[in-house]
Amino acid sequence: MLNKNESEISKWMRGTHNFTIDTISMIENVLGVELLRVATEPA
């Protein structure tokens, strides 16, 4: 669903790959969950 090759996903699983914001966003969309939330200070 993410159009990623097996070697890249293997790096994710081993923890040897840094995710980009775009990749995190795609994973969130596919899984339907929030993985990353940017904290903001109250105004």
PDB file of N, CA and C in Angstrom:
ATOM      1  N   MET A   1       0.813  -1.204   0.000  1.00  0.00           N
ATOM      2  CA  MET A   1       0.000   0.000   0.000  1.00  0.00           C
ATOM      3  C   MET A   1       0.857   1.270   0.000  1.00  0.00           C
ATOM      4  N   LEU A   2       2.095   1.159   0.474  1.00  0.00           N
ATOM      5  CA  LEU A   2       2.977   2.320   0.512  1.00  0.00           C
ATOM      6  C   LEU A   2       3.915   2.394  -0.685  1.00  0.00           C
ATOM      7  N   ASN A   3       3.888   1.360  -1.524  1.00  0.00           N
ATOM      8  CA  ASN A   3       4.794   1.290  -2.674  1.00  0.00           C
ATOM      9  C   ASN A   3       6.260   1.400  -2.267  1.00  0.00           C
ATOM     10  N   LYS A   4       6.622   0.712  -1.182  1.00  0.00           N
ATOM     11  CA  LYS A   4       8.012   0.665  -0.708  1.00  0.00           C
ATOM     12  C   LYS A   4       8.561  -0.724  -0.984  1.00  0.00           C
ATOM     13  N   ASN A   5       9.865  -0.812  -1.277  1.00  0.00           N
ATOM     14  CA  ASN A   5      10.427  -2.125  -1.548  1.00  0.00           C
ATOM     15  C   ASN A   5      10.764  -2.842  -0.234  1.00  0.00           C
ATOM     16  N   GLU A   6      10.925  -4.146  -0.337  1.00  0.00           N
ATOM     17  CA  GLU A   6      11.137  -4.991   0.830  1.00  0.00           C
ATOM     18  C   GLU A   6      12.388  -4.597   1.621  1.00  0.00           C
ATOM     19  N   SER A   7      13.439  -4.179   0.935  1.00  0.00           N
ATOM     20  CA  SER A   7      14.675  -3.820   1.631  1.00  0.00           C
ATOM     21  C   SER A   7      14.488  -2.578   2.506  1.00  0.00           C
ATOM     22  N   GLU A   8      13.691  -1.625   2.041  1.00  0.00           N
ATOM     23  CA  GLU A   8      13.450  -0.430   2.849  1.00  0.00           C
ATOM     24  C   GLU A   8      12.632  -0.770   4.096  1.00  0.00           C
ATOM     25  N   ILE A   9      11.616  -1.601   3.933  1.00  0.00           N
ATOM     26  CA  ILE A   9      10.794  -1.992   5.077  1.00  0.00           C
ATOM     27  C   ILE A   9      11.629  -2.805   6.060  1.00  0.00           C
ATOM     28  N   SER A  10      12.540  -3.607   5.575  1.00  0.00           N
ATOM     29  CA  SER A  10      13.443  -4.369   6.436  1.00  0.00           C
ATOM     30  C   SER A  10      14.289  -3.430   7.289  1.00  0.00           C
ATOM     31  N   LYS A  11      14.755  -2.324   6.710  1.00  0.00           N
ATOM     32  CA  LYS A  11      15.514  -1.319   7.470  1.00  0.00           C
ATOM     33  C   LYS A  11      14.647  -0.692   8.557  1.00  0.00           C
ATOM     34  N   TRP A  12      13.368  -0.450   8.239  1.00  0.00           N
ATOM     35  CA  TRP A  12      12.448   0.094   9.236  1.00  0.00           C
ATOM     36  C   TRP A  12      12.350  -0.860  10.418  1.00  0.00           C
ATOM     37  N   MET A  13      12.198  -2.137  10.104  1.00  0.00           N
ATOM     38  CA  MET A  13      11.991  -3.145  11.140  1.00  0.00           C
ATOM     39  C   MET A  13      13.241  -3.348  11.999  1.00  0.00           C
ATOM     40  N   ARG A  14      14.419  -3.170  11.412  1.00  0.00           N
ATOM     41  CA  ARG A  14      15.673  -3.298  12.155  1.00  0.00           C
ATOM     42  C   ARG A  14      16.012  -2.031  12.939  1.00  0.00           C
ATOM     43  N   GLY A  15      15.347  -0.930  12.622  1.00  0.00           N
ATOM     44  CA  GLY A  15      15.647   0.329  13.295  1.00  0.00           C
ATOM     45  C   GLY A  15      16.870   1.030  12.735  1.00  0.00           C
ATOM     46  N   THR A  16      17.227   0.741  11.501  1.00  0.00           N
ATOM     47  CA  THR A  16      18.419   1.350  10.893  1.00  0.00           C
ATOM     48  C   THR A  16      18.059   2.400   9.850  1.00  0.00           C
ATOM     49  N   HIS A  17      16.838   2.891   9.889  1.00  0.00           N
ATOM     50  CA  HIS A  17      16.375   3.860   8.895  1.00  0.00           C
ATOM     51  C   HIS A  17      15.663   4.995   9.620  1.00  0.00           C
ATOM     52  N   ASN A  18      15.976   6.215   9.247  1.00  0.00           N
ATOM     53  CA  ASN A  18      15.274   7.370   9.797  1.00  0.00           C
ATOM     54  C   ASN A  18      14.082   7.687   8.905  1.00  0.00           C
ATOM     55  N   PHE A  19      12.913   7.805   9.512  1.00  0.00           N
ATOM     56  CA  PHE A  19      11.701   8.098   8.768  1.00  0.00           C
ATOM     57  C   PHE A  19      11.616   9.578   8.435  1.00  0.00           C
ATOM     58  N   THR A  20      11.112   9.886   7.250  1.00  0.00           N
ATOM     59  CA  THR A  20      10.802  11.271   6.911  1.00  0.00           C
ATOM     60  C   THR A  20       9.383  11.566   7.380  1.00  0.00           C
ATOM     61  N   ILE A  21       9.057  12.825   7.490  1.00  0.00           N
ATOM     62  CA  ILE A  21       7.692  13.217   7.858  1.00  0.00           C
ATOM     63  C   ILE A  21       6.703  12.685   6.826  1.00  0.00           C
ATOM     64  N   ASP A  22       7.086  12.720   5.560  1.00  0.00           N
ATOM     65  CA  ASP A  22       6.203  12.208   4.499  1.00  0.00           C
ATOM     66  C   ASP A  22       5.916  10.720   4.688  1.00  0.00           C
ATOM     67  N   THR A  23       6.937   9.941   5.008  1.00  0.00           N
ATOM     68  CA  THR A  23       6.745   8.509   5.219  1.00  0.00           C
ATOM     69  C   THR A  23       5.866   8.247   6.427  1.00  0.00           C
ATOM     70  N   ILE A  24       6.102   8.970   7.514  1.00  0.00           N
ATOM     71  CA  ILE A  24       5.271   8.814   8.709  1.00  0.00           C
ATOM     72  C   ILE A  24       3.823   9.133   8.386  1.00  0.00           C
ATOM     73  N   SER A  25       3.607  10.188   7.628  1.00  0.00           N
ATOM     74  CA  SER A  25       2.255  10.578   7.239  1.00  0.00           C
ATOM     75  C   SER A  25       1.584   9.491   6.401  1.00  0.00           C
ATOM     76  N   MET A  26       2.327   8.896   5.459  1.00  0.00           N
ATOM     77  CA  MET A  26       1.764   7.824   4.635  1.00  0.00           C
ATOM     78  C   MET A  26       1.401   6.609   5.491  1.00  0.00           C
ATOM     79  N   ILE A  27       2.259   6.253   6.442  1.00  0.00           N
ATOM     80  CA  ILE A  27       1.980   5.117   7.320  1.00  0.00           C
ATOM     81  C   ILE A  27       0.741   5.399   8.165  1.00  0.00           C
ATOM     82  N   GLU A  28       0.640   6.617   8.687  1.00  0.00           N
ATOM     83  CA  GLU A  28      -0.544   6.996   9.467  1.00  0.00           C
ATOM     84  C   GLU A  28      -1.817   6.835   8.644  1.00  0.00           C
ATOM     85  N   ASN A  29      -1.779   7.296   7.401  1.00  0.00           N
ATOM     86  CA  ASN A  29      -2.958   7.209   6.534  1.00  0.00           C
ATOM     87  C   ASN A  29      -3.351   5.771   6.249  1.00  0.00           C
ATOM     88  N   VAL A  30      -2.368   4.920   5.975  1.00  0.00           N
ATOM     89  CA  VAL A  30      -2.648   3.518   5.675  1.00  0.00           C
ATOM     90  C   VAL A  30      -3.195   2.794   6.902  1.00  0.00           C
ATOM     91  N   LEU A  31      -2.590   3.047   8.073  1.00  0.00           N
ATOM     92  CA  LEU A  31      -3.009   2.353   9.294  1.00  0.00           C
ATOM     93  C   LEU A  31      -4.234   2.981   9.949  1.00  0.00           C
ATOM     94  N   GLY A  32      -4.490   4.239   9.633  1.00  0.00           N
ATOM     95  CA  GLY A  32      -5.617   4.937  10.253  1.00  0.00           C
ATOM     96  C   GLY A  32      -5.368   5.282  11.710  1.00  0.00           C
ATOM     97  N   VAL A  33      -4.093   5.519  12.059  1.00  0.00           N
ATOM     98  CA  VAL A  33      -3.729   5.891  13.428  1.00  0.00           C
ATOM     99  C   VAL A  33      -2.777   7.088  13.402  1.00  0.00           C
ATOM    100  N   GLU A  34      -2.717   7.774  14.533  1.00  0.00           N
ATOM    101  CA  GLU A  34      -1.783   8.895  14.666  1.00  0.00           C
ATOM    102  C   GLU A  34      -0.496   8.371  15.289  1.00  0.00           C
ATOM    103  N   LEU A  35       0.623   8.518  14.589  1.00  0.00           N
ATOM    104  CA  LEU A  35       1.916   8.074  15.091  1.00  0.00           C
ATOM    105  C   LEU A  35       2.738   9.212  15.664  1.00  0.00           C
ATOM    106  N   LEU A  36       2.491  10.400  15.183  1.00  0.00           N
ATOM    107  CA  LEU A  36       3.297  11.544  15.569  1.00  0.00           C
ATOM    108  C   LEU A  36       2.398  12.741  15.811  1.00  0.00           C
ATOM    109  N   ARG A  37       2.617  13.386  16.937  1.00  0.00           N
ATOM    110  CA  ARG A  37       1.856  14.603  17.247  1.00  0.00           C
ATOM    111  C   ARG A  37       2.856  15.692  17.612  1.00  0.00           C
ATOM    112  N   VAL A  38       2.707  16.844  17.000  1.00  0.00           N
ATOM    113  CA  VAL A  38       3.586  17.966  17.281  1.00  0.00           C
ATOM    114  C   VAL A  38       2.960  18.764  18.422  1.00  0.00           C
ATOM    115  N   ALA A  39       3.704  18.854  19.502  1.00  0.00           N
ATOM    116  CA  ALA A  39       3.218  19.585  20.667  1.00  0.00           C
ATOM    117  C   ALA A  39       3.314  21.089  20.429  1.00  0.00           C
ATOM    118  N   THR A  40       2.306  21.806  20.847  1.00  0.00           N
ATOM    119  CA  THR A  40       2.318  23.263  20.753  1.00  0.00           C
ATOM    120  C   THR A  40       2.046  23.847  22.127  1.00  0.00           C
ATOM    121  N   GLU A  41       2.588  25.003  22.359  1.00  0.00           N
ATOM    122  CA  GLU A  41       2.341  25.693  23.618  1.00  0.00           C
ATOM    123  C   GLU A  41       1.019  26.444  23.525  1.00  0.00           C
ATOM    124  N   PRO A  42       0.297  26.528  24.630  1.00  0.00           N
ATOM    125  CA  PRO A  42      -0.960  27.295  24.607  1.00  0.00           C
ATOM    126  C   PRO A  42      -0.695  28.757  24.237  1.00  0.00           C
ATOM    127  N   ALA A  43      -1.608  29.347  23.523  1.00  0.00           N
ATOM    128  CA  ALA A  43      -1.445  30.731  23.069  1.00  0.00           C
ATOM    129  C   ALA A  43      -1.626  31.709  24.196  1.00  0.00           C
TER     130      ALA A  43
END
